PDB file of N, CA and C in Angstrom:
ATOM      1  N   MET A   1      10.950  -9.186  15.246  1.00  0.00           N
ATOM      2  CA  MET A   1      10.004  -8.443  14.447  1.00  0.00           C
ATOM      3  C   MET A   1       9.468  -9.339  13.339  1.00  0.00           C
ATOM      4  N   ARG A   2       8.241  -9.051  12.954  1.00  0.00           N
ATOM      5  CA  ARG A   2       7.578  -9.867  11.939  1.00  0.00           C
ATOM      6  C   ARG A   2       7.447  -9.097  10.633  1.00  0.00           C
ATOM      7  N   HIS A   3       7.210  -9.826   9.575  1.00  0.00           N
ATOM      8  CA  HIS A   3       7.057  -9.246   8.240  1.00  0.00           C
ATOM      9  C   HIS A   3       5.575  -9.161   7.884  1.00  0.00           C
ATOM     10  N   TYR A   4       5.193  -8.054   7.233  1.00  0.00           N
ATOM     11  CA  TYR A   4       3.804  -7.843   6.862  1.00  0.00           C
ATOM     12  C   TYR A   4       3.719  -7.265   5.454  1.00  0.00           C
ATOM     13  N   GLU A   5       2.616  -7.577   4.783  1.00  0.00           N
ATOM     14  CA  GLU A   5       2.277  -6.945   3.515  1.00  0.00           C
ATOM     15  C   GLU A   5       1.021  -6.117   3.754  1.00  0.00           C
ATOM     16  N   ILE A   6       1.092  -4.831   3.408  1.00  0.00           N
ATOM     17  CA  ILE A   6      -0.020  -3.912   3.633  1.00  0.00           C
ATOM     18  C   ILE A   6      -0.506  -3.401   2.283  1.00  0.00           C
ATOM     19  N   THR A   7      -1.806  -3.493   2.063  1.00  0.00           N
ATOM     20  CA  THR A   7      -2.425  -2.944   0.853  1.00  0.00           C
ATOM     21  C   THR A   7      -3.465  -1.928   1.280  1.00  0.00           C
ATOM     22  N   LEU A   8      -3.427  -0.747   0.661  1.00  0.00           N
ATOM     23  CA  LEU A   8      -4.359   0.323   0.981  1.00  0.00           C
ATOM     24  C   LEU A   8      -5.149   0.711  -0.257  1.00  0.00           C
ATOM     25  N   ILE A   9      -6.427   0.999  -0.070  1.00  0.00           N
ATOM     26  CA  ILE A   9      -7.268   1.560  -1.118  1.00  0.00           C
ATOM     27  C   ILE A   9      -7.642   2.960  -0.651  1.00  0.00           C
ATOM     28  N   VAL A  10      -7.185   3.962  -1.417  1.00  0.00           N
ATOM     29  CA  VAL A  10      -7.337   5.364  -1.028  1.00  0.00           C
ATOM     30  C   VAL A  10      -8.393   6.024  -1.906  1.00  0.00           C
ATOM     31  N   HIS A  11      -9.153   6.931  -1.329  1.00  0.00           N
ATOM     32  CA  HIS A  11     -10.187   7.684  -2.038  1.00  0.00           C
ATOM     33  C   HIS A  11      -9.558   8.398  -3.239  1.00  0.00           C
ATOM     34  N   PRO A  12     -10.185   8.353  -4.409  1.00  0.00           N
ATOM     35  CA  PRO A  12      -9.578   8.937  -5.611  1.00  0.00           C
ATOM     36  C   PRO A  12      -9.392  10.449  -5.530  1.00  0.00           C
ATOM     37  N   ASP A  13     -10.193  11.151  -4.731  1.00  0.00           N
ATOM     38  CA  ASP A  13     -10.010  12.593  -4.571  1.00  0.00           C
ATOM     39  C   ASP A  13      -8.753  12.927  -3.783  1.00  0.00           C
ATOM     40  N   GLN A  14      -8.220  11.960  -3.058  1.00  0.00           N
ATOM     41  CA  GLN A  14      -7.031  12.172  -2.230  1.00  0.00           C
ATOM     42  C   GLN A  14      -5.751  11.677  -2.900  1.00  0.00           C
ATOM     43  N   SER A  15      -5.783  11.409  -4.194  1.00  0.00           N
ATOM     44  CA  SER A  15      -4.619  10.886  -4.901  1.00  0.00           C
ATOM     45  C   SER A  15      -3.423  11.825  -4.828  1.00  0.00           C
ATOM     46  N   ALA A  16      -3.668  13.121  -4.759  1.00  0.00           N
ATOM     47  CA  ALA A  16      -2.570  14.087  -4.685  1.00  0.00           C
ATOM     48  C   ALA A  16      -1.835  14.003  -3.340  1.00  0.00           C
ATOM     49  N   GLN A  17      -2.520  13.566  -2.298  1.00  0.00           N
ATOM     50  CA  GLN A  17      -1.910  13.484  -0.969  1.00  0.00           C
ATOM     51  C   GLN A  17      -1.326  12.115  -0.664  1.00  0.00           C
ATOM     52  N   VAL A  18      -1.271  11.235  -1.644  1.00  0.00           N
ATOM     53  CA  VAL A  18      -0.786   9.873  -1.407  1.00  0.00           C
ATOM     54  C   VAL A  18       0.668   9.881  -0.943  1.00  0.00           C
ATOM     55  N   SER A  19       1.503  10.710  -1.563  1.00  0.00           N
ATOM     56  CA  SER A  19       2.919  10.729  -1.174  1.00  0.00           C
ATOM     57  C   SER A  19       3.087  11.232   0.256  1.00  0.00           C
ATOM     58  N   THR A  20       2.293  12.195   0.672  1.00  0.00           N
ATOM     59  CA  THR A  20       2.357  12.694   2.047  1.00  0.00           C
ATOM     60  C   THR A  20       1.905  11.618   3.032  1.00  0.00           C
ATOM     61  N   MET A  21       0.843  10.900   2.681  1.00  0.00           N
ATOM     62  CA  MET A  21       0.365   9.818   3.538  1.00  0.00           C
ATOM     63  C   MET A  21       1.433   8.742   3.688  1.00  0.00           C
ATOM     64  N   MET A  22       2.048   8.366   2.570  1.00  0.00           N
ATOM     65  CA  MET A  22       3.083   7.325   2.607  1.00  0.00           C
ATOM     66  C   MET A  22       4.280   7.782   3.441  1.00  0.00           C
ATOM     67  N   ASP A  23       4.650   9.052   3.341  1.00  0.00           N
ATOM     68  CA  ASP A  23       5.752   9.567   4.154  1.00  0.00           C
ATOM     69  C   ASP A  23       5.421   9.474   5.637  1.00  0.00           C
ATOM     70  N   ASN A  24       4.184   9.788   6.005  1.00  0.00           N
ATOM     71  CA  ASN A  24       3.771   9.677   7.411  1.00  0.00           C
ATOM     72  C   ASN A  24       3.824   8.230   7.890  1.00  0.00           C
ATOM     73  N   TYR A  25       3.349   7.303   7.060  1.00  0.00           N
ATOM     74  CA  TYR A  25       3.375   5.898   7.449  1.00  0.00           C
ATOM     75  C   TYR A  25       4.800   5.375   7.529  1.00  0.00           C
ATOM     76  N   LYS A  26       5.667   5.804   6.598  1.00  0.00           N
ATOM     77  CA  LYS A  26       7.070   5.384   6.647  1.00  0.00           C
ATOM     78  C   LYS A  26       7.750   5.909   7.903  1.00  0.00           C
ATOM     79  N   GLU A  27       7.394   7.127   8.314  1.00  0.00           N
ATOM     80  CA  GLU A  27       7.972   7.693   9.536  1.00  0.00           C
ATOM     81  C   GLU A  27       7.546   6.900  10.768  1.00  0.00           C
ATOM     82  N   ILE A  28       6.282   6.486  10.819  1.00  0.00           N
ATOM     83  CA  ILE A  28       5.800   5.665  11.939  1.00  0.00           C
ATOM     84  C   ILE A  28       6.575   4.350  12.001  1.00  0.00           C
ATOM     85  N   ILE A  29       6.814   3.741  10.840  1.00  0.00           N
ATOM     86  CA  ILE A  29       7.520   2.452  10.793  1.00  0.00           C
ATOM     87  C   ILE A  29       8.966   2.608  11.224  1.00  0.00           C
ATOM     88  N   THR A  30       9.660   3.598  10.686  1.00  0.00           N
ATOM     89  CA  THR A  30      11.091   3.746  10.982  1.00  0.00           C
ATOM     90  C   THR A  30      11.344   4.219  12.409  1.00  0.00           C
ATOM     91  N   THR A  31      10.474   5.081  12.963  1.00  0.00           N
ATOM     92  CA  THR A  31      10.671   5.501  14.344  1.00  0.00           C
ATOM     93  C   THR A  31      10.399   4.366  15.320  1.00  0.00           C
ATOM     94  N   GLY A  32       9.586   3.398  14.917  1.00  0.00           N
ATOM     95  CA  GLY A  32       9.325   2.224  15.750  1.00  0.00           C
ATOM     96  C   GLY A  32      10.385   1.151  15.603  1.00  0.00           C
ATOM     97  N   GLY A  33      11.434   1.420  14.812  1.00  0.00           N
ATOM     98  CA  GLY A  33      12.515   0.465  14.638  1.00  0.00           C
ATOM     99  C   GLY A  33      12.275  -0.533  13.519  1.00  0.00           C
ATOM    100  N   GLY A  34      11.293  -0.279  12.669  1.00  0.00           N
ATOM    101  CA  GLY A  34      10.978  -1.196  11.587  1.00  0.00           C
ATOM    102  C   GLY A  34      11.703  -0.859  10.301  1.00  0.00           C
ATOM    103  N   GLN A  35      11.479  -1.676   9.293  1.00  0.00           N
ATOM    104  CA  GLN A  35      12.094  -1.506   7.979  1.00  0.00           C
ATOM    105  C   GLN A  35      11.031  -1.624   6.909  1.00  0.00           C
ATOM    106  N   ILE A  36      11.244  -0.905   5.802  1.00  0.00           N
ATOM    107  CA  ILE A  36      10.370  -1.013   4.644  1.00  0.00           C
ATOM    108  C   ILE A  36      11.153  -1.743   3.563  1.00  0.00           C
ATOM    109  N   HIS A  37      10.672  -2.905   3.160  1.00  0.00           N
ATOM    110  CA  HIS A  37      11.371  -3.711   2.165  1.00  0.00           C
ATOM    111  C   HIS A  37      10.910  -3.399   0.747  1.00  0.00           C
ATOM    112  N   ARG A  38       9.644  -3.045   0.567  1.00  0.00           N
ATOM    113  CA  ARG A  38       9.115  -2.746  -0.761  1.00  0.00           C
ATOM    114  C   ARG A  38       7.967  -1.760  -0.609  1.00  0.00           C
ATOM    115  N   GLU A  39       7.917  -0.800  -1.518  1.00  0.00           N
ATOM    116  CA  GLU A  39       6.849   0.199  -1.517  1.00  0.00           C
ATOM    117  C   GLU A  39       6.410   0.404  -2.962  1.00  0.00           C
ATOM    118  N   GLU A  40       5.118   0.245  -3.229  1.00  0.00           N
ATOM    119  CA  GLU A  40       4.622   0.349  -4.600  1.00  0.00           C
ATOM    120  C   GLU A  40       3.361   1.200  -4.655  1.00  0.00           C
ATOM    121  N   ASP A  41       3.266   1.969  -5.719  1.00  0.00           N
ATOM    122  CA  ASP A  41       2.081   2.771  -6.001  1.00  0.00           C
ATOM    123  C   ASP A  41       1.473   2.198  -7.275  1.00  0.00           C
ATOM    124  N   TRP A  42       0.342   1.518  -7.140  1.00  0.00           N
ATOM    125  CA  TRP A  42      -0.287   0.860  -8.281  1.00  0.00           C
ATOM    126  C   TRP A  42      -1.155   1.803  -9.085  1.00  0.00           C
ATOM    127  N   GLY A  43      -1.408   2.995  -8.582  1.00  0.00           N
ATOM    128  CA  GLY A  43      -2.206   3.981  -9.297  1.00  0.00           C
ATOM    129  C   GLY A  43      -3.699   3.754  -9.140  1.00  0.00           C
ATOM    130  N   ARG A  44      -4.459   4.426  -9.998  1.00  0.00           N
ATOM    131  CA  ARG A  44      -5.923   4.301  -9.954  1.00  0.00           C
ATOM    132  C   ARG A  44      -6.380   3.062 -10.699  1.00  0.00           C
ATOM    133  N   LYS A  45      -7.272   2.348 -10.070  1.00  0.00           N
ATOM    134  CA  LYS A  45      -7.841   1.135 -10.654  1.00  0.00           C
ATOM    135  C   LYS A  45      -9.340   1.116 -10.383  1.00  0.00           C
ATOM    136  N   HIS A  46     -10.059   0.372 -11.220  1.00  0.00           N
ATOM    137  CA  HIS A  46     -11.486   0.161 -10.989  1.00  0.00           C
ATOM    138  C   HIS A  46     -11.661  -0.783  -9.809  1.00  0.00           C
ATOM    139  N   LEU A  47     -12.648  -0.494  -8.984  1.00  0.00           N
ATOM    140  CA  LEU A  47     -12.970  -1.365  -7.865  1.00  0.00           C
ATOM    141  C   LEU A  47     -13.839  -2.522  -8.353  1.00  0.00           C
ATOM    142  N   ALA A  48     -13.758  -3.642  -7.688  1.00  0.00           N
ATOM    143  CA  ALA A  48     -14.581  -4.799  -8.048  1.00  0.00           C
ATOM    144  C   ALA A  48     -16.055  -4.511  -7.773  1.00  0.00           C
ATOM    145  N   TYR A  49     -16.309  -3.707  -6.751  1.00  0.00           N
ATOM    146  CA  TYR A  49     -17.670  -3.286  -6.422  1.00  0.00           C
ATOM    147  C   TYR A  49     -17.583  -1.868  -5.858  1.00  0.00           C
ATOM    148  N   PRO A  50     -18.639  -1.063  -6.015  1.00  0.00           N
ATOM    149  CA  PRO A  50     -18.574   0.314  -5.522  1.00  0.00           C
ATOM    150  C   PRO A  50     -18.523   0.369  -3.995  1.00  0.00           C
ATOM    151  N   ILE A  51     -17.743   1.291  -3.490  1.00  0.00           N
ATOM    152  CA  ILE A  51     -17.661   1.561  -2.058  1.00  0.00           C
ATOM    153  C   ILE A  51     -18.132   2.999  -1.871  1.00  0.00           C
ATOM    154  N   ASP A  52     -19.239   3.203  -1.194  1.00  0.00           N
ATOM    155  CA  ASP A  52     -19.818   4.540  -0.991  1.00  0.00           C
ATOM    156  C   ASP A  52     -19.967   5.296  -2.308  1.00  0.00           C
ATOM    157  N   LYS A  53     -20.471   4.626  -3.331  1.00  0.00           N
ATOM    158  CA  LYS A  53     -20.711   5.176  -4.666  1.00  0.00           C
ATOM    159  C   LYS A  53     -19.419   5.637  -5.354  1.00  0.00           C
ATOM    160  N   ILE A  54     -18.306   5.017  -4.999  1.00  0.00           N
ATOM    161  CA  ILE A  54     -17.009   5.298  -5.620  1.00  0.00           C
ATOM    162  C   ILE A  54     -16.643   4.076  -6.459  1.00  0.00           C
ATOM    163  N   TYR A  55     -16.283   4.309  -7.718  1.00  0.00           N
ATOM    164  CA  TYR A  55     -16.024   3.205  -8.637  1.00  0.00           C
ATOM    165  C   TYR A  55     -14.549   3.023  -8.955  1.00  0.00           C
ATOM    166  N   LYS A  56     -13.716   4.024  -8.675  1.00  0.00           N
ATOM    167  CA  LYS A  56     -12.278   3.930  -8.866  1.00  0.00           C
ATOM    168  C   LYS A  56     -11.595   4.342  -7.576  1.00  0.00           C
ATOM    169  N   ALA A  57     -10.399   3.821  -7.356  1.00  0.00           N
ATOM    170  CA  ALA A  57      -9.642   4.186  -6.166  1.00  0.00           C
ATOM    171  C   ALA A  57      -8.153   4.068  -6.457  1.00  0.00           C
ATOM    172  N   HIS A  58      -7.351   4.645  -5.591  1.00  0.00           N
ATOM    173  CA  HIS A  58      -5.894   4.628  -5.710  1.00  0.00           C
ATOM    174  C   HIS A  58      -5.360   3.502  -4.825  1.00  0.00           C
ATOM    175  N   TYR A  59      -4.548   2.621  -5.394  1.00  0.00           N
ATOM    176  CA  TYR A  59      -4.029   1.454  -4.675  1.00  0.00           C
ATOM    177  C   TYR A  59      -2.566   1.659  -4.290  1.00  0.00           C
ATOM    178  N   LEU A  60      -2.211   1.263  -3.068  1.00  0.00           N
ATOM    179  CA  LEU A  60      -0.844   1.313  -2.559  1.00  0.00           C
ATOM    180  C   LEU A  60      -0.504  -0.017  -1.905  1.00  0.00           C
ATOM    181  N   SER A  61       0.769  -0.377  -1.960  1.00  0.00           N
ATOM    182  CA  SER A  61       1.211  -1.624  -1.342  1.00  0.00           C
ATOM    183  C   SER A  61       2.573  -1.421  -0.690  1.00  0.00           C
ATOM    184  N   MET A  62       2.780  -2.050   0.466  1.00  0.00           N
ATOM    185  CA  MET A  62       4.058  -1.986   1.181  1.00  0.00           C
ATOM    186  C   MET A  62       4.357  -3.352   1.787  1.00  0.00           C
ATOM    187  N   ASN A  63       5.624  -3.703   1.823  1.00  0.00           N
ATOM    188  CA  ASN A  63       6.093  -4.853   2.586  1.00  0.00           C
ATOM    189  C   ASN A  63       7.020  -4.310   3.655  1.00  0.00           C
ATOM    190  N   ILE A  64       6.694  -4.586   4.913  1.00  0.00           N
ATOM    191  CA  ILE A  64       7.430  -4.000   6.017  1.00  0.00           C
ATOM    192  C   ILE A  64       7.820  -5.073   7.024  1.00  0.00           C
ATOM    193  N   GLU A  65       8.707  -4.672   7.910  1.00  0.00           N
ATOM    194  CA  GLU A  65       9.103  -5.492   9.047  1.00  0.00           C
ATOM    195  C   GLU A  65       8.995  -4.594  10.267  1.00  0.00           C
ATOM    196  N   CYS A  66       8.138  -4.965  11.231  1.00  0.00           N
ATOM    197  CA  CYS A  66       7.953  -4.122  12.407  1.00  0.00           C
ATOM    198  C   CYS A  66       7.447  -4.960  13.579  1.00  0.00           C
ATOM    199  N   ASP A  67       7.372  -4.308  14.744  1.00  0.00           N
ATOM    200  CA  ASP A  67       6.847  -4.987  15.923  1.00  0.00           C
ATOM    201  C   ASP A  67       5.342  -4.735  16.030  1.00  0.00           C
ATOM    202  N   GLN A  68       4.713  -5.339  17.017  1.00  0.00           N
ATOM    203  CA  GLN A  68       3.257  -5.267  17.151  1.00  0.00           C
ATOM    204  C   GLN A  68       2.788  -3.857  17.495  1.00  0.00           C
ATOM    205  N   ASP A  69       3.538  -3.116  18.312  1.00  0.00           N
ATOM    206  CA  ASP A  69       3.131  -1.751  18.676  1.00  0.00           C
ATOM    207  C   ASP A  69       3.071  -0.851  17.448  1.00  0.00           C
ATOM    208  N   THR A  70       4.071  -0.952  16.579  1.00  0.00           N
ATOM    209  CA  THR A  70       4.098  -0.154  15.359  1.00  0.00           C
ATOM    210  C   THR A  70       2.944  -0.537  14.446  1.00  0.00           C
ATOM    211  N   LEU A  71       2.670  -1.827  14.337  1.00  0.00           N
ATOM    212  CA  LEU A  71       1.557  -2.287  13.507  1.00  0.00           C
ATOM    213  C   LEU A  71       0.221  -1.771  14.050  1.00  0.00           C
ATOM    214  N   ASP A  72       0.075  -1.737  15.361  1.00  0.00           N
ATOM    215  CA  ASP A  72      -1.143  -1.199  15.964  1.00  0.00           C
ATOM    216  C   ASP A  72      -1.302   0.293  15.667  1.00  0.00           C
ATOM    217  N   LYS A  73      -0.195   1.047  15.701  1.00  0.00           N
ATOM    218  CA  LYS A  73      -0.244   2.476  15.364  1.00  0.00           C
ATOM    219  C   LYS A  73      -0.660   2.675  13.914  1.00  0.00           C
ATOM    220  N   LEU A  74      -0.095   1.860  13.026  1.00  0.00           N
ATOM    221  CA  LEU A  74      -0.459   1.958  11.613  1.00  0.00           C
ATOM    222  C   LEU A  74      -1.943   1.643  11.415  1.00  0.00           C
ATOM    223  N   ASN A  75      -2.399   0.573  12.022  1.00  0.00           N
ATOM    224  CA  ASN A  75      -3.797   0.167  11.894  1.00  0.00           C
ATOM    225  C   ASN A  75      -4.728   1.256  12.439  1.00  0.00           C
ATOM    226  N   TYR A  76      -4.337   1.887  13.531  1.00  0.00           N
ATOM    227  CA  TYR A  76      -5.113   2.989  14.111  1.00  0.00           C
ATOM    228  C   TYR A  76      -5.192   4.152  13.122  1.00  0.00           C
ATOM    229  N   ASN A  77      -4.065   4.485  12.489  1.00  0.00           N
ATOM    230  CA  ASN A  77      -4.054   5.574  11.514  1.00  0.00           C
ATOM    231  C   ASN A  77      -4.879   5.237  10.278  1.00  0.00           C
ATOM    232  N   PHE A  78      -4.836   3.988   9.831  1.00  0.00           N
ATOM    233  CA  PHE A  78      -5.657   3.583   8.686  1.00  0.00           C
ATOM    234  C   PHE A  78      -7.144   3.707   9.023  1.00  0.00           C
ATOM    235  N   ARG A  79      -7.499   3.288  10.208  1.00  0.00           N
ATOM    236  CA  ARG A  79      -8.906   3.250  10.602  1.00  0.00           C
ATOM    237  C   ARG A  79      -9.518   4.645  10.693  1.00  0.00           C
ATOM    238  N   PHE A  80      -8.745   5.615  11.187  1.00  0.00           N
ATOM    239  CA  PHE A  80      -9.300   6.946  11.412  1.00  0.00           C
ATOM    240  C   PHE A  80      -8.901   7.961  10.342  1.00  0.00           C
ATOM    241  N   ASN A  81      -8.339   7.498   9.248  1.00  0.00           N
ATOM    242  CA  ASN A  81      -8.057   8.358   8.103  1.00  0.00           C
ATOM    243  C   ASN A  81      -9.214   8.197   7.118  1.00  0.00           C
ATOM    244  N   ASP A  82      -9.930   9.278   6.869  1.00  0.00           N
ATOM    245  CA  ASP A  82     -11.099   9.208   5.984  1.00  0.00           C
ATOM    246  C   ASP A  82     -10.709   8.906   4.544  1.00  0.00           C
ATOM    247  N   ALA A  83      -9.479   9.183   4.163  1.00  0.00           N
ATOM    248  CA  ALA A  83      -9.036   8.944   2.790  1.00  0.00           C
ATOM    249  C   ALA A  83      -8.849   7.452   2.511  1.00  0.00           C
ATOM    250  N   VAL A  84      -8.544   6.659   3.527  1.00  0.00           N
ATOM    251  CA  VAL A  84      -8.325   5.223   3.347  1.00  0.00           C
ATOM    252  C   VAL A  84      -9.679   4.522   3.368  1.00  0.00           C
ATOM    253  N   LEU A  85     -10.085   4.009   2.195  1.00  0.00           N
ATOM    254  CA  LEU A  85     -11.372   3.320   2.090  1.00  0.00           C
ATOM    255  C   LEU A  85     -11.296   1.916   2.685  1.00  0.00           C
ATOM    256  N   ARG A  86     -10.236   1.170   2.350  1.00  0.00           N
ATOM    257  CA  ARG A  86     -10.021  -0.184   2.855  1.00  0.00           C
ATOM    258  C   ARG A  86      -8.529  -0.395   3.080  1.00  0.00           C
ATOM    259  N   ASN A  87      -8.208  -1.273   4.027  1.00  0.00           N
ATOM    260  CA  ASN A  87      -6.818  -1.676   4.233  1.00  0.00           C
ATOM    261  C   ASN A  87      -6.775  -3.167   4.515  1.00  0.00           C
ATOM    262  N   LEU A  88      -5.666  -3.771   4.128  1.00  0.00           N
ATOM    263  CA  LEU A  88      -5.462  -5.197   4.336  1.00  0.00           C
ATOM    264  C   LEU A  88      -4.040  -5.396   4.834  1.00  0.00           C
ATOM    265  N   ILE A  89      -3.903  -6.062   5.967  1.00  0.00           N
ATOM    266  CA  ILE A  89      -2.583  -6.362   6.542  1.00  0.00           C
ATOM    267  C   ILE A  89      -2.461  -7.873   6.619  1.00  0.00           C
ATOM    268  N   ILE A  90      -1.443  -8.407   5.923  1.00  0.00           N
ATOM    269  CA  ILE A  90      -1.222  -9.849   5.873  1.00  0.00           C
ATOM    270  C   ILE A  90       0.148 -10.151   6.470  1.00  0.00           C
ATOM    271  N   SER A  91       0.224 -11.137   7.332  1.00  0.00           N
ATOM    272  CA  SER A  91       1.498 -11.575   7.894  1.00  0.00           C
ATOM    273  C   SER A  91       2.233 -12.437   6.868  1.00  0.00           C
ATOM    274  N   GLU A  92       3.521 -12.176   6.703  1.00  0.00           N
ATOM    275  CA  GLU A  92       4.351 -12.907   5.745  1.00  0.00           C
ATOM    276  C   GLU A  92       5.423 -13.695   6.485  1.00  0.00           C
ATOM    277  N   ASN A  93       5.973 -14.719   5.817  1.00  0.00           N
ATOM    278  CA  ASN A  93       7.029 -15.534   6.422  1.00  0.00           C
ATOM    279  C   ASN A  93       8.384 -14.855   6.375  1.00  0.00           C
ATOM    280  N   GLY A  94       8.624 -14.023   5.371  1.00  0.00           N
ATOM    281  CA  GLY A  94       9.917 -13.368   5.224  1.00  0.00           C
ATOM    282  C   GLY A  94       9.767 -12.072   4.459  1.00  0.00           C
ATOM    283  N   ALA A  95      10.899 -11.398   4.284  1.00  0.00           N
ATOM    284  CA  ALA A  95      10.900 -10.127   3.567  1.00  0.00           C
ATOM    285  C   ALA A  95      10.696 -10.366   2.075  1.00  0.00           C
ATOM    286  N   ILE A  96       9.812  -9.597   1.474  1.00  0.00           N
ATOM    287  CA  ILE A  96       9.562  -9.674   0.035  1.00  0.00           C
ATOM    288  C   ILE A  96      10.078  -8.380  -0.569  1.00  0.00           C
ATOM    289  N   THR A  97      11.078  -8.493  -1.437  1.00  0.00           N
ATOM    290  CA  THR A  97      11.697  -7.300  -2.011  1.00  0.00           C
ATOM    291  C   THR A  97      11.518  -7.197  -3.516  1.00  0.00           C
ATOM    292  N   GLU A  98      11.201  -8.292  -4.197  1.00  0.00           N
ATOM    293  CA  GLU A  98      11.034  -8.239  -5.656  1.00  0.00           C
ATOM    294  C   GLU A  98       9.710  -7.564  -5.997  1.00  0.00           C
ATOM    295  N   PRO A  99       9.603  -6.979  -7.199  1.00  0.00           N
ATOM    296  CA  PRO A  99       8.360  -6.303  -7.593  1.00  0.00           C
ATOM    297  C   PRO A  99       7.173  -7.264  -7.620  1.00  0.00           C
ATOM    298  N   SER A 100       6.011  -6.728  -7.305  1.00  0.00           N
ATOM    299  CA  SER A 100       4.795  -7.552  -7.284  1.00  0.00           C
ATOM    300  C   SER A 100       4.303  -7.819  -8.700  1.00  0.00           C
ATOM    301  N   ILE A 101       3.301  -8.661  -8.806  1.00  0.00           N
ATOM    302  CA  ILE A 101       2.716  -8.990 -10.104  1.00  0.00           C
ATOM    303  C   ILE A 101       2.095  -7.746 -10.736  1.00  0.00           C
ATOM    304  N   MET A 102       1.526  -6.881  -9.916  1.00  0.00           N
ATOM    305  CA  MET A 102       0.904  -5.664 -10.438  1.00  0.00           C
ATOM    306  C   MET A 102       1.943  -4.773 -11.127  1.00  0.00           C
ATOM    307  N   MET A 103       3.120  -4.663 -10.556  1.00  0.00           N
ATOM    308  CA  MET A 103       4.158  -3.810 -11.136  1.00  0.00           C
ATOM    309  C   MET A 103       4.797  -4.466 -12.357  1.00  0.00           C
ATOM    310  N   THR A 104       4.987  -5.773 -12.337  1.00  0.00           N
ATOM    311  CA  THR A 104       5.567  -6.439 -13.499  1.00  0.00           C
ATOM    312  C   THR A 104       4.589  -6.438 -14.665  1.00  0.00           C
ATOM    313  N   ALA A 105       3.291  -6.515 -14.378  1.00  0.00           N
ATOM    314  CA  ALA A 105       2.290  -6.451 -15.439  1.00  0.00           C
ATOM    315  C   ALA A 105       2.291  -5.067 -16.090  1.00  0.00           C
ATOM    316  N   LYS A 106       2.505  -4.005 -15.297  1.00  0.00           N
ATOM    317  CA  LYS A 106       2.599  -2.656 -15.853  1.00  0.00           C
ATOM    318  C   LYS A 106       3.791  -2.540 -16.784  1.00  0.00           C
ATOM    319  N   ASP A 107       4.932  -3.104 -16.371  1.00  0.00           N
ATOM    320  CA  ASP A 107       6.146  -3.038 -17.184  1.00  0.00           C
ATOM    321  C   ASP A 107       5.977  -3.798 -18.496  1.00  0.00           C
ATOM    322  N   GLU A 108       5.300  -4.941 -18.463  1.00  0.00           N
ATOM    323  CA  GLU A 108       5.081  -5.725 -19.684  1.00  0.00           C
ATOM    324  C   GLU A 108       4.147  -5.015 -20.650  1.00  0.00           C
ATOM    325  N   ASP A 109       3.188  -4.245 -20.097  1.00  0.00           N
ATOM    326  CA  ASP A 109       2.276  -3.492 -20.958  1.00  0.00           C
ATOM    327  C   ASP A 109       3.011  -2.396 -21.719  1.00  0.00           C
ATOM    328  N   LYS A 110       4.071  -1.857 -21.133  1.00  0.00           N
ATOM    329  CA  LYS A 110       4.811  -0.762 -21.754  1.00  0.00           C
ATOM    330  C   LYS A 110       5.807  -1.232 -22.802  1.00  0.00           C
ATOM    331  N   LYS A 111       6.161  -2.506 -22.762  1.00  0.00           N
ATOM    332  CA  LYS A 111       7.145  -3.026 -23.718  1.00  0.00           C
ATOM    333  C   LYS A 111       6.563  -3.057 -25.118  1.00  0.00           C
ATOM    334  N   PRO A 112       7.352  -2.659 -26.112  1.00  0.00           N
ATOM    335  CA  PRO A 112       6.839  -2.729 -27.494  1.00  0.00           C
ATOM    336  C   PRO A 112       6.731  -4.182 -27.953  1.00  0.00           C
ATOM    337  N   VAL A 113       5.754  -4.439 -28.775  1.00  0.00           N
ATOM    338  CA  VAL A 113       5.512  -5.777 -29.289  1.00  0.00           C
ATOM    339  C   VAL A 113       6.310  -5.939 -30.571  1.00  0.00           C
ATOM    340  N   ARG A 114       7.133  -6.992 -30.641  1.00  0.00           N
ATOM    341  CA  ARG A 114       7.946  -7.268 -31.823  1.00  0.00           C
ATOM    342  C   ARG A 114       7.238  -8.277 -32.692  1.00  0.00           C
ATOM    343  N   ARG A 115       7.218  -8.015 -33.967  1.00  0.00           N
ATOM    344  CA  ARG A 115       6.559  -8.942 -34.886  1.00  0.00           C
ATOM    345  C   ARG A 115       7.486  -9.317 -35.997  1.00  0.00           C
TER     346      ARG A 115
END
C-alpha cells in the first residue's frame, strides 16, 4: 500500500456536513484495508481566487495509506460530490503523522505573547 496526502476544499455552505463527509471517507479507507495517519480540519479560509463566485471555503487535509482501488473510490466520491470544490491527492514516500504547518501556525497564534 502507498501513502497519500489528500487536501479538500469544501463549499462554505456545507461546513456543517464536513464531519459526516469525513466519516464517510474514513469508512471507505478502513473498509478497503487502509489506515488514516493524520486528519486535520483547517477551517474556513480565503481562496486565492474565486471559484464559482465563492471567496471563502472550508479546508480539510488527510494523510492516508491505501491501495489503488480505495484511492479510485475516494477520487470518484470527490468528483461527484457537489460540496467538494477542489481536491488534491499527492503521493508521499512515508506516513506523515506530525501536525502540518497550518495546524502549528494556528497553535502559535493562540499562544500569549510575553514581553
